[in-house]
N, C-alpha and C. Protein backbone atom coordinates (compact mmCIF):
# COMPACT_ATOMS: atom_id res chain seq x y z
N UNK A 1 -94.20 165.18 8.05
CA UNK A 1 -94.75 166.11 8.97
C UNK A 1 -95.65 165.53 10.03
N UNK A 2 -96.14 164.32 9.21
CA UNK A 2 -97.94 163.69 10.67
C UNK A 2 -96.63 162.83 11.59
N UNK A 3 -95.51 162.19 10.69
CA UNK A 3 -94.48 161.60 11.86
C UNK A 3 -94.11 162.60 13.09
N UNK A 4 -93.51 163.25 12.88
CA UNK A 4 -92.73 164.52 12.93
C UNK A 4 -93.67 165.36 14.41
N UNK A 5 -94.77 165.20 13.74
CA UNK A 5 -96.40 165.38 15.04
C UNK A 5 -96.43 164.74 16.19
N UNK A 6 -96.67 162.86 15.81
CA UNK A 6 -96.87 162.14 16.44
C UNK A 6 -95.63 161.70 17.16
N UNK A 7 -94.17 161.44 17.05
CA UNK A 7 -93.08 161.59 18.02
C UNK A 7 -93.20 163.06 18.88
N UNK A 8 -93.19 163.69 18.45
CA UNK A 8 -93.23 164.96 19.50
C UNK A 8 -94.85 165.44 20.56
N UNK A 9 -95.38 164.27 19.95
CA UNK A 9 -96.45 164.29 20.99
C UNK A 9 -96.43 162.52 22.05
N UNK A 10 -95.93 162.30 21.37
CA UNK A 10 -95.20 161.29 22.16
C UNK A 10 -94.31 161.50 22.93
N UNK A 11 -93.58 162.31 22.37
CA UNK A 11 -92.63 162.93 24.13
C UNK A 11 -93.09 163.20 24.88
N UNK A 12 -93.84 164.45 24.36
CA UNK A 12 -94.66 165.12 25.33
C UNK A 12 -95.75 164.18 26.57
N UNK A 13 -95.97 163.05 26.09
CA UNK A 13 -96.59 162.43 26.54
C UNK A 13 -95.96 161.55 27.25
N UNK A 14 -94.68 161.56 27.68
CA UNK A 14 -93.49 160.86 28.02
C UNK A 14 -92.97 161.97 28.82
N UNK A 15 -92.39 163.21 29.01
CA UNK A 15 -92.12 163.98 29.76
C UNK A 15 -93.16 164.88 30.58
N UNK A 16 -94.59 164.72 30.06
CA UNK A 16 -95.63 165.15 31.26
C UNK A 16 -94.67 164.27 33.14
N UNK A 17 -95.52 163.10 33.04
CA UNK A 17 -95.42 162.42 34.57
C UNK A 17 -94.13 162.68 35.34
N UNK A 18 -92.68 162.45 34.69
CA UNK A 18 -92.01 162.89 34.71
C UNK A 18 -91.76 164.55 35.38
N UNK A 19 -92.06 165.77 34.75
CA UNK A 19 -92.49 166.60 35.39
C UNK A 19 -93.50 166.65 36.89
N UNK A 20 -94.68 165.77 36.33
CA UNK A 20 -95.50 165.95 37.27
C UNK A 20 -95.45 165.02 38.81
N UNK A 21 -93.60 164.29 38.07
CA UNK A 21 -93.08 163.72 39.76
C UNK A 21 -91.87 164.39 40.48
N UNK A 22 -92.07 165.31 39.67
CA UNK A 22 -90.73 166.23 39.69
C UNK A 22 -91.71 167.14 41.12
N UNK A 23 -92.71 167.55 40.54
CA UNK A 23 -92.99 168.79 41.27
C UNK A 23 -94.05 168.51 42.74
N UNK A 24 -94.19 167.14 42.63
CA UNK A 24 -94.94 166.42 43.68
C UNK A 24 -94.13 166.31 45.30
N UNK A 25 -94.25 167.31 46.30
CA UNK A 25 -93.40 167.63 47.15
C UNK A 25 -93.28 166.04 47.94
N UNK A 26 -92.20 166.03 49.11
CA UNK A 26 -91.71 164.63 49.55
C UNK A 26 -92.94 164.72 50.78
N UNK A 27 -92.87 163.30 50.75
CA UNK A 27 -93.93 163.66 52.10
C UNK A 27 -93.06 164.35 53.52
N UNK A 28 -93.79 164.85 54.29
CA UNK A 28 -93.61 165.52 55.64
C UNK A 28 -92.98 164.75 56.65
N UNK A 29 -91.82 165.11 57.00
CA UNK A 29 -91.14 164.07 58.21
C UNK A 29 -92.11 163.94 59.03
N UNK A 30 -91.70 162.95 59.61
CA UNK A 30 -92.75 162.08 60.60
C UNK A 30 -92.65 163.23 62.08
N UNK A 31 -93.80 163.30 62.17
CA UNK A 31 -93.39 163.79 63.93
C UNK A 31 -93.60 164.22 64.99
N UNK A 32 -92.69 164.21 65.69
CA UNK A 32 -92.30 163.42 67.12
C UNK A 32 -93.52 163.19 68.46
N UNK A 33 -94.01 162.59 68.50
CA UNK A 33 -95.25 162.00 68.81
C UNK A 33 -94.75 161.81 70.68
N UNK A 34 -93.51 161.33 71.08
CA UNK A 34 -92.97 161.42 71.92
C UNK A 34 -93.28 162.67 73.27
N UNK A 35 -93.60 162.62 74.14
CA UNK A 35 -93.83 163.98 74.57
C UNK A 35 -93.07 163.21 77.04
N UNK A 36 -92.79 164.82 77.31
CA UNK A 36 -91.97 164.15 78.74
C UNK A 36 -93.66 163.56 79.19
N UNK A 37 -92.86 162.44 80.46
CA UNK A 37 -94.24 162.56 81.00
C UNK A 37 -94.29 163.09 82.19
N UNK A 38 -95.17 164.46 82.09
CA UNK A 38 -95.38 165.15 83.67
C UNK A 38 -96.41 164.35 84.38
N UNK A 39 -96.19 164.65 85.87
CA UNK A 39 -97.00 163.92 86.38
C UNK A 39 -97.74 165.09 86.98
N UNK A 40 -99.10 165.22 87.69
CA UNK A 40 -99.27 166.81 88.11
C UNK A 40 -99.73 166.09 89.41
N UNK A 41 -100.18 165.43 89.80
CA UNK A 41 -100.70 164.52 91.50
C UNK A 41 -99.62 164.07 91.75
N UNK A 42 -99.87 165.43 93.11
CA UNK A 42 -98.19 165.34 93.90
C UNK A 42 -98.45 163.72 94.83
N UNK A 43 -99.64 162.92 94.75
CA UNK A 43 -99.64 162.18 95.28
C UNK A 43 -99.27 161.08 94.12
N UNK A 44 -99.88 161.08 93.00
CA UNK A 44 -99.29 159.81 92.66
C UNK A 44 -97.47 159.76 92.64
N UNK A 45 -96.77 161.40 92.38
CA UNK A 45 -95.79 161.41 92.64
C UNK A 45 -94.73 160.80 93.77
N UNK A 46 -95.88 160.56 95.10
CA UNK A 46 -94.94 160.34 96.25
C UNK A 46 -95.53 158.55 95.93
N UNK A 47 -96.34 158.27 95.72
CA UNK A 47 -96.94 156.33 95.21
C UNK A 47 -95.71 155.79 94.40
N UNK A 48 -95.38 157.13 93.62
CA UNK A 48 -94.17 155.87 92.16
C UNK A 48 -93.16 156.41 93.05
N UNK A 49 -92.56 157.70 93.88
CA UNK A 49 -91.40 157.46 94.32
C UNK A 49 -91.62 155.96 95.44
N UNK A 50 -92.04 155.80 96.02
CA UNK A 50 -92.29 155.06 97.26
C UNK A 50 -92.27 153.40 96.57
N UNK A 51 -93.20 153.28 95.42
CA UNK A 51 -92.54 151.92 93.99
C UNK A 51 -91.25 151.94 93.70
N UNK A 52 -90.27 152.85 92.74
CA UNK A 52 -89.08 153.29 93.07
C UNK A 52 -88.62 154.25 92.69
N UNK A 53 -87.84 154.75 93.35
CA UNK A 53 -86.92 155.71 93.68
C UNK A 53 -86.04 156.16 92.71
N UNK A 54 -86.62 157.77 92.45
CA UNK A 54 -85.94 158.42 91.00
C UNK A 54 -85.77 159.69 91.63
N UNK A 55 -85.23 160.31 90.66
CA UNK A 55 -84.55 161.96 91.30
C UNK A 55 -86.21 162.19 90.23
N UNK A 56 -85.50 163.47 90.79
CA UNK A 56 -87.52 164.64 90.59
C UNK A 56 -86.64 165.73 89.89
N UNK A 57 -87.54 166.00 88.62
CA UNK A 57 -87.31 167.14 88.27
C UNK A 57 -88.95 167.97 88.49
N UNK A 58 -88.70 169.30 88.80
CA UNK A 58 -90.15 169.05 89.00
C UNK A 58 -90.15 171.16 88.23
N UNK A 59 -90.97 170.96 87.40
CA UNK A 59 -91.27 173.02 86.78
C UNK A 59 -92.20 173.21 87.39
N UNK A 60 -92.11 175.02 88.03
CA UNK A 60 -92.77 175.87 88.91
C UNK A 60 -93.11 176.33 87.54
N UNK A 61 -94.36 176.71 87.45
CA UNK A 61 -94.78 177.49 86.58
C UNK A 61 -95.67 178.55 86.78
N UNK A 62 -96.64 179.75 86.23
CA UNK A 62 -98.18 180.04 86.25
C UNK A 62 -98.41 179.95 84.80
N UNK A 63 -99.24 179.95 84.73
CA UNK A 63 -100.54 180.63 83.57
C UNK A 63 -99.73 181.68 82.73
N UNK A 64 -99.49 183.02 83.88
CA UNK A 64 -99.32 183.96 82.94
C UNK A 64 -97.95 184.14 82.19
N UNK A 65 -97.07 183.53 82.66
CA UNK A 65 -95.53 183.31 82.74
C UNK A 65 -94.89 183.08 81.14
N UNK A 66 -94.95 184.14 80.37
CA UNK A 66 -94.74 184.55 79.08
C UNK A 66 -93.41 183.19 79.00
N UNK A 67 -91.82 183.05 79.57
CA UNK A 67 -90.80 182.64 79.47
C UNK A 67 -91.19 180.80 79.74
N UNK A 68 -92.59 180.84 81.01
CA UNK A 68 -92.48 179.16 81.15
C UNK A 68 -93.50 178.78 79.28
N UNK A 69 -94.06 179.22 79.06
CA UNK A 69 -94.39 179.05 77.24
C UNK A 69 -93.26 179.00 76.49
N UNK A 70 -92.27 180.16 76.75
CA UNK A 70 -91.41 179.79 75.87
C UNK A 70 -90.27 178.40 76.10
N UNK A 71 -90.52 178.42 76.97
CA UNK A 71 -89.64 176.83 77.44
C UNK A 71 -90.09 176.13 77.08
N UNK A 72 -92.00 175.48 77.42
CA UNK A 72 -92.30 174.38 76.56
C UNK A 72 -92.51 174.76 75.22
N UNK A 73 -92.22 175.73 74.59
CA UNK A 73 -92.67 175.27 73.40
C UNK A 73 -90.66 174.86 72.64
N UNK A 74 -90.03 175.52 73.04
CA UNK A 74 -88.94 175.46 72.83
C UNK A 74 -88.03 174.62 72.92
N UNK A 75 -88.41 174.17 74.38
CA UNK A 75 -87.44 173.32 75.67
C UNK A 75 -87.50 171.92 75.76
N UNK A 76 -88.76 172.32 75.91
CA UNK A 76 -89.14 170.93 76.61
C UNK A 76 -89.87 170.19 75.52
N UNK A 77 -89.53 170.59 73.74
CA UNK A 77 -89.97 169.76 72.87
C UNK A 77 -89.34 169.03 72.57
N UNK A 78 -88.14 169.00 72.96
CA UNK A 78 -87.10 168.85 72.74
C UNK A 78 -86.57 167.30 72.47
N UNK A 79 -86.34 166.46 71.39
CA UNK A 79 -86.46 164.92 71.30
C UNK A 79 -85.40 164.22 72.86
N UNK A 80 -84.23 164.56 72.06
CA UNK A 80 -83.07 164.20 73.04
C UNK A 80 -83.34 164.63 74.63
N UNK A 81 -83.85 165.37 75.26
CA UNK A 81 -84.50 165.78 76.15
C UNK A 81 -85.31 165.21 77.16
N UNK A 82 -86.18 164.73 75.96
CA UNK A 82 -87.68 163.97 76.55
C UNK A 82 -87.02 162.38 76.92
N UNK A 83 -86.08 162.40 76.07
CA UNK A 83 -85.92 160.69 76.27
C UNK A 83 -85.14 160.57 77.50
N UNK A 84 -84.26 161.46 77.79
CA UNK A 84 -83.23 161.77 78.91
C UNK A 84 -84.33 161.49 80.46
N UNK A 85 -84.95 162.30 79.99
CA UNK A 85 -86.09 162.38 81.73
C UNK A 85 -86.93 161.70 81.15
N UNK A 86 -87.34 161.00 80.73
CA UNK A 86 -88.31 160.17 81.00
C UNK A 86 -87.75 159.12 81.11
N UNK A 87 -86.09 158.68 81.14
CA UNK A 87 -85.45 157.82 81.32
C UNK A 87 -84.88 157.76 82.71
N UNK A 88 -84.78 158.77 83.39
CA UNK A 88 -83.88 159.07 84.67
C UNK A 88 -84.40 159.71 85.87
N UNK A 89 -85.66 160.17 85.54
CA UNK A 89 -86.51 161.59 86.28
C UNK A 89 -87.89 160.85 86.07
N UNK A 90 -88.85 161.89 87.56
CA UNK A 90 -89.77 162.13 87.54
C UNK A 90 -90.04 163.61 87.37
N UNK A 91 -90.81 163.82 86.29
CA UNK A 91 -91.28 164.73 85.62
C UNK A 91 -92.11 165.59 86.53
N UNK A 92 -92.62 166.82 87.20
CA UNK A 92 -93.64 166.92 87.75
C UNK A 92 -93.98 168.54 87.83
N UNK A 93 -94.91 168.81 87.24
CA UNK A 93 -95.52 170.12 86.38
C UNK A 93 -96.66 170.20 87.39
N UNK A 94 -95.50 171.94 88.21
CA UNK A 94 -96.69 172.81 89.40
C UNK A 94 -97.10 173.95 88.97
N UNK A 95 -98.05 174.08 89.61
CA UNK A 95 -98.92 175.72 88.89
C UNK A 95 -98.22 175.83 90.29
N UNK A 96 -97.74 177.12 90.59
CA UNK A 96 -97.18 177.82 91.58
C UNK A 96 -98.48 178.24 92.59
N UNK A 97 -99.12 178.78 91.66
CA UNK A 97 -100.77 179.71 92.11
C UNK A 97 -101.61 178.74 92.79
N UNK A 98 -101.70 177.00 92.70
CA UNK A 98 -102.73 176.61 92.47
C UNK A 98 -103.07 176.70 94.47
N UNK A 99 -104.49 176.80 94.63
CA UNK A 99 -104.79 177.15 95.87
C UNK A 99 -105.52 175.62 96.22
N UNK A 100 -105.41 174.57 96.35
CA UNK A 100 -105.63 173.47 96.52
C UNK A 100 -104.74 173.02 98.02
N UNK A 101 -105.29 172.39 98.78
CA UNK A 101 -104.41 172.16 99.87
C UNK A 101 -103.58 170.62 99.08
N UNK A 102 -101.80 170.85 99.87
CA UNK A 102 -101.21 169.62 99.11
C UNK A 102 -100.40 169.13 100.52
N UNK A 103 -100.56 168.12 100.21
CA UNK A 103 -100.45 167.01 101.30
C UNK A 103 -99.06 166.43 100.97
N UNK A 104 -97.21 166.65 101.50
CA UNK A 104 -96.78 165.97 100.94
C UNK A 104 -95.12 166.16 101.02
N UNK A 105 -95.04 164.84 101.81
CA UNK A 105 -93.52 164.05 102.87
C UNK A 105 -94.52 164.86 103.98
N UNK A 106 -95.83 164.17 104.08
CA UNK A 106 -95.79 164.77 105.67
C UNK A 106 -96.53 165.93 106.60
N UNK A 107 -96.34 166.82 105.34
CA UNK A 107 -96.69 168.34 105.74
C UNK A 107 -97.90 168.75 104.86
N UNK A 108 -98.57 169.98 105.27
CA UNK A 108 -99.77 169.96 103.95
C UNK A 108 -99.31 171.53 103.84
N UNK A 109 -99.84 171.76 102.96
CA UNK A 109 -99.24 172.91 102.27
C UNK A 109 -100.42 173.67 101.44
N UNK A 110 -100.57 175.06 101.98
CA UNK A 110 -102.47 175.61 101.28
C UNK A 110 -101.56 176.81 100.39
N UNK A 111 -102.70 177.98 99.68
CA UNK A 111 -102.70 178.58 99.16
C UNK A 111 -101.97 179.93 100.20
N UNK A 112 -100.99 180.57 99.75
CA UNK A 112 -100.33 181.76 100.58
C UNK A 112 -100.62 183.54 100.28
N UNK A 113 -101.47 184.30 100.30
CA UNK A 113 -101.34 185.31 100.08
C UNK A 113 -100.83 186.12 99.84
N UNK A 114 -100.01 186.21 100.75
CA UNK A 114 -98.77 187.18 100.69
C UNK A 114 -97.64 186.85 99.74
N UNK A 115 -97.37 185.97 99.31
CA UNK A 115 -96.68 185.19 98.22
C UNK A 115 -97.36 185.33 96.83
N UNK A 116 -98.58 184.71 96.95
CA UNK A 116 -99.45 184.18 95.91
C UNK A 116 -99.15 183.44 95.07
N UNK A 117 -99.03 182.62 95.92
CA UNK A 117 -98.92 180.61 95.30
C UNK A 117 -99.22 180.03 96.88
N UNK A 118 -98.62 178.71 96.43
CA UNK A 118 -98.83 177.98 97.54
C UNK A 118 -97.55 177.65 97.92
N UNK A 119 -97.45 177.80 99.35
CA UNK A 119 -96.72 177.14 100.24
C UNK A 119 -95.19 176.72 100.13
N UNK A 120 -96.23 175.27 99.35
CA UNK A 120 -94.56 174.02 98.95
C UNK A 120 -93.55 175.09 97.53
N UNK A 121 -94.48 175.54 97.03
CA UNK A 121 -93.61 176.61 96.03
C UNK A 121 -92.36 177.74 96.68
N UNK A 122 -93.02 178.75 97.64
CA UNK A 122 -92.38 179.07 97.91
C UNK A 122 -91.26 178.41 98.86
N UNK A 123 -91.84 176.91 99.29
CA UNK A 123 -90.19 176.59 100.55
C UNK A 123 -90.11 176.04 99.65
N UNK A 124 -89.97 175.55 98.41
CA UNK A 124 -88.96 174.82 97.12
C UNK A 124 -88.41 175.74 96.35
N UNK A 125 -88.54 177.03 96.49
CA UNK A 125 -88.11 178.02 96.16
C UNK A 125 -87.37 179.17 97.03
N UNK A 126 -87.53 178.95 98.33
CA UNK A 126 -86.58 179.93 99.08
C UNK A 126 -86.77 180.91 99.20
N UNK A 127 -88.16 181.50 99.14
CA UNK A 127 -89.08 182.74 98.81
C UNK A 127 -88.52 183.20 97.40
N UNK A 128 -87.87 182.82 97.15
CA UNK A 128 -87.59 184.08 95.81
C UNK A 128 -88.42 183.33 94.47
N UNK A 129 -89.45 184.69 94.54
CA UNK A 129 -90.21 183.46 93.69
C UNK A 129 -90.58 184.49 92.62
N UNK A 130 -89.89 183.51 91.80
CA UNK A 130 -89.43 183.11 89.97
C UNK A 130 -89.72 182.58 88.98
N UNK A 131 -90.52 182.18 87.91
CA UNK A 131 -90.88 181.69 87.02
C UNK A 131 -90.22 181.84 85.78
N UNK A 132 -90.44 180.50 85.22
CA UNK A 132 -90.01 179.20 85.82
C UNK A 132 -89.22 178.97 86.71
N UNK A 133 -88.92 177.93 87.18
CA UNK A 133 -88.18 177.80 88.22
C UNK A 133 -87.89 176.26 88.25
N UNK A 134 -87.16 175.62 88.37
CA UNK A 134 -86.72 174.38 87.46
C UNK A 134 -86.20 173.71 89.20
N UNK A 135 -87.11 172.67 90.03
CA UNK A 135 -86.62 171.86 91.32
C UNK A 135 -86.25 170.24 90.83
N UNK A 136 -84.60 170.58 90.80
CA UNK A 136 -84.63 169.11 90.98
C UNK A 136 -84.10 167.96 92.49
N UNK A 137 -84.37 167.12 92.43
CA UNK A 137 -84.18 166.33 93.65
C UNK A 137 -83.51 165.46 93.71
N UNK A 138 -83.13 165.14 94.80
CA UNK A 138 -82.23 163.95 94.33
C UNK A 138 -83.52 162.07 94.36
N UNK A 139 -83.29 161.10 94.71
CA UNK A 139 -83.88 160.30 95.28
C UNK A 139 -84.79 160.48 96.65
N UNK A 140 -86.22 160.20 97.02
CA UNK A 140 -86.89 160.31 97.79
C UNK A 140 -86.76 161.68 98.66
N UNK A 141 -86.78 162.33 97.60
CA UNK A 141 -87.22 164.59 98.03
C UNK A 141 -86.25 164.58 98.32
N UNK A 142 -84.66 164.07 98.09
CA UNK A 142 -83.70 164.70 98.94
C UNK A 142 -83.00 165.94 97.60
N UNK A 143 -82.27 167.16 98.94
CA UNK A 143 -81.49 167.99 98.54
C UNK A 143 -81.87 168.33 97.60
N UNK A 144 -83.30 168.87 97.18
CA UNK A 144 -84.12 170.15 96.54
C UNK A 144 -83.11 170.89 96.40
N UNK A 145 -82.89 171.35 94.81
CA UNK A 145 -81.83 172.67 93.90
C UNK A 145 -82.95 173.29 93.04
N UNK A 146 -83.02 174.11 93.72
CA UNK A 146 -83.85 175.66 92.68
C UNK A 146 -82.88 176.18 91.61
N UNK A 147 -83.12 176.18 90.82
CA UNK A 147 -83.02 177.10 89.47
C UNK A 147 -83.78 178.10 88.70
N UNK A 148 -83.40 178.96 89.39
CA UNK A 148 -84.66 179.99 88.46
C UNK A 148 -83.80 180.76 87.03
N UNK A 149 -85.09 180.48 86.37
CA UNK A 149 -84.96 181.32 84.62
C UNK A 149 -84.93 180.26 83.48
N UNK A 150 -85.37 180.74 82.86
CA UNK A 150 -85.68 179.99 81.05
C UNK A 150 -84.53 179.50 81.07
N UNK A 151 -84.28 178.13 80.51
CA UNK A 151 -82.99 177.36 79.97
C UNK A 151 -83.69 177.00 78.78
N UNK A 152 -82.48 177.09 78.23
CA UNK A 152 -82.05 176.31 76.87
C UNK A 152 -82.12 175.24 76.83
N UNK A 153 -82.33 174.08 75.80
CA UNK A 153 -82.03 172.72 75.45
C UNK A 153 -80.66 172.59 76.07
N UNK A 154 -79.89 173.65 75.34
CA UNK A 154 -78.18 173.11 76.28
C UNK A 154 -77.99 172.99 77.21
N UNK A 155 -78.42 174.78 77.56
CA UNK A 155 -78.57 174.88 79.03
C UNK A 155 -79.17 174.17 80.42
N UNK A 156 -80.28 173.56 80.04
CA UNK A 156 -81.02 172.23 80.17
C UNK A 156 -80.25 171.29 80.65
N UNK A 157 -79.11 170.87 79.46
CA UNK A 157 -78.40 169.70 79.44
C UNK A 157 -77.93 169.55 80.91
N UNK A 158 -76.61 170.66 81.06
CA UNK A 158 -75.36 170.72 81.56
C UNK A 158 -76.33 170.28 83.43
N UNK A 159 -77.96 171.13 83.48
CA UNK A 159 -78.31 170.85 85.03
C UNK A 159 -78.62 168.92 85.25
N UNK A 160 -79.89 168.72 84.06
CA UNK A 160 -80.57 167.54 84.46
C UNK A 160 -78.92 166.17 84.31
N UNK A 161 -78.09 166.70 83.16
CA UNK A 161 -77.14 165.29 83.58
C UNK A 161 -76.07 165.73 84.43
N UNK A 162 -75.92 166.78 85.20
CA UNK A 162 -75.15 166.68 86.34
C UNK A 162 -75.60 165.98 87.64
N UNK A 163 -77.04 166.03 87.77
CA UNK A 163 -77.32 165.55 88.96
C UNK A 163 -78.21 163.77 87.96
N UNK A 164 -78.63 164.08 86.45
CA UNK A 164 -78.78 162.52 86.54
C UNK A 164 -78.26 161.33 86.13
N UNK A 165 -76.61 161.87 85.88
CA UNK A 165 -75.47 161.09 85.40
C UNK A 165 -74.69 161.00 87.01
N UNK A 166 -75.04 161.21 88.29
CA UNK A 166 -74.25 161.44 89.69
C UNK A 166 -73.73 162.31 89.43
N UNK A 167 -72.89 163.16 88.88
CA UNK A 167 -72.02 163.65 88.75
C UNK A 167 -71.65 164.03 89.90
N UNK A 168 -72.74 165.30 90.25
CA UNK A 168 -72.74 165.97 91.62
C UNK A 168 -71.86 165.08 92.27
N UNK A 169 -71.74 163.79 92.63
CA UNK A 169 -71.47 163.21 93.65
C UNK A 169 -69.61 163.09 93.53
N UNK A 170 -69.23 163.21 92.26
CA UNK A 170 -67.80 163.55 92.61
C UNK A 170 -67.24 164.80 92.02
N UNK A 171 -68.35 165.65 91.42
CA UNK A 171 -67.27 167.14 90.85
C UNK A 171 -68.52 167.84 91.24
N UNK A 172 -67.63 169.72 91.90
CA UNK A 172 -68.87 170.11 91.41
C UNK A 172 -68.76 170.86 89.95
N UNK A 173 -70.36 171.60 90.92
CA UNK A 173 -71.00 172.49 89.45
C UNK A 173 -70.22 173.20 88.60
N UNK A 174 -68.91 174.04 89.05
CA UNK A 174 -67.98 174.78 88.43
C UNK A 174 -67.53 173.72 87.08
N UNK A 175 -66.61 172.57 88.37
CA UNK A 175 -66.27 171.70 87.77
C UNK A 175 -66.53 171.29 86.48
N UNK A 176 -67.75 171.07 86.43
CA UNK A 176 -68.77 170.18 85.51
C UNK A 176 -68.84 171.03 84.15
N UNK A 177 -69.00 172.40 84.36
CA UNK A 177 -69.28 173.15 83.36
C UNK A 177 -68.26 173.02 82.32
N UNK A 178 -67.49 173.30 82.99
CA UNK A 178 -66.25 173.35 82.20
C UNK A 178 -65.29 172.39 81.78
N UNK A 179 -66.08 170.61 82.13
CA UNK A 179 -65.65 169.59 81.45
C UNK A 179 -66.80 169.10 80.04
N UNK A 180 -67.49 169.51 80.87
CA UNK A 180 -68.80 168.67 79.78
C UNK A 180 -69.28 168.93 78.88
N UNK A 181 -69.03 168.63 77.84
CA UNK A 181 -69.95 168.95 76.45
C UNK A 181 -70.91 168.34 76.22
N UNK A 182 -72.27 169.34 75.65
CA UNK A 182 -73.61 169.22 75.61
C UNK A 182 -73.23 168.09 74.53
N UNK A 183 -74.18 167.36 74.07
CA UNK A 183 -74.47 166.61 73.19
C UNK A 183 -75.46 166.47 72.66
N UNK A 184 -76.76 167.01 73.19
CA UNK A 184 -78.19 166.75 72.59
C UNK A 184 -78.31 167.89 71.86
N UNK A 185 -78.63 167.31 70.42
CA UNK A 185 -79.15 168.16 69.26
C UNK A 185 -80.07 168.87 69.39
N UNK A 186 -79.72 170.01 69.92
CA UNK A 186 -80.77 171.62 69.74
C UNK A 186 -81.30 172.08 68.42
N UNK A 187 -80.81 172.19 67.46
CA UNK A 187 -81.22 172.76 66.10
C UNK A 187 -81.14 173.60 66.03
N UNK A 188 -80.41 174.30 66.43
CA UNK A 188 -80.33 175.83 67.17
C UNK A 188 -78.50 175.93 66.85
N UNK A 189 -78.30 177.39 66.35
CA UNK A 189 -76.97 177.40 67.06
C UNK A 189 -75.83 177.26 68.57
N UNK A 190 -74.92 177.18 68.76
CA UNK A 190 -74.45 176.24 69.77
C UNK A 190 -74.81 178.27 71.12
N UNK A 191 -75.42 177.46 72.07
CA UNK A 191 -75.45 178.17 73.16
C UNK A 191 -74.41 178.36 73.93
N UNK A 192 -73.71 179.02 74.04
CA UNK A 192 -72.47 179.00 74.94
C UNK A 192 -73.09 179.44 76.18
N UNK A 193 -73.89 180.41 76.35
CA UNK A 193 -73.88 181.08 77.87
C UNK A 193 -74.01 179.86 78.84
N UNK A 194 -73.79 179.93 79.69
CA UNK A 194 -73.40 178.85 80.77
C UNK A 194 -74.80 179.13 81.69
N UNK A 195 -75.67 178.01 82.28
CA UNK A 195 -76.92 177.83 82.82
C UNK A 195 -76.80 178.59 84.39
N UNK A 196 -78.36 178.83 84.64
CA UNK A 196 -78.53 179.85 85.77
C UNK A 196 -77.46 178.99 87.02
N UNK A 197 -76.68 179.57 88.03
CA UNK A 197 -75.92 178.62 89.32
C UNK A 197 -77.27 177.80 90.06
N UNK A 198 -76.84 176.48 90.31
CA UNK A 198 -78.12 176.06 91.30
C UNK A 198 -77.39 176.35 93.27
N UNK A 199 -78.66 176.18 93.76
CA UNK A 199 -78.35 176.45 95.09
C UNK A 199 -77.87 175.33 95.90
């Protein structure tokens, strides 16, 4: 009887660590620490363009814009997007309602109470005040293309690669959407809604 008790006790001692090991949760997945290299000073943007010309992705937002915040959380946090824009674009974050004076491309821009925004934002958005609005420019700030509205990762991939991979030089926007297959991992069911048309 004593042997059985001892054997049971030894067995329990051996099993207990195994049970504890199974209950120990796996280590958390490493957090994505890379972020979009946003530029907020327009003078810095112009200085960088002079030193090394690149395309520009401009995010025009306001502090009260809910869709802007959603895009920050769900779209601009995507690792594939972050890697792509940091490699191919200068990313400029522009609060449309800023009230300071901006000097851009030899022209002065001020706050306009009629539009309730800085005149540079109104000019780039061609007076169609909608937030968020993305502005994609070619090197040296050429050909600004406004794209209004919230975009998912898959929708913005079309936009960024169309210009970033220079597909716009040999394909129309409509043809590009038909032939390009998004490849960035967006962690959701595929969104087949086409992105907003650019102008």
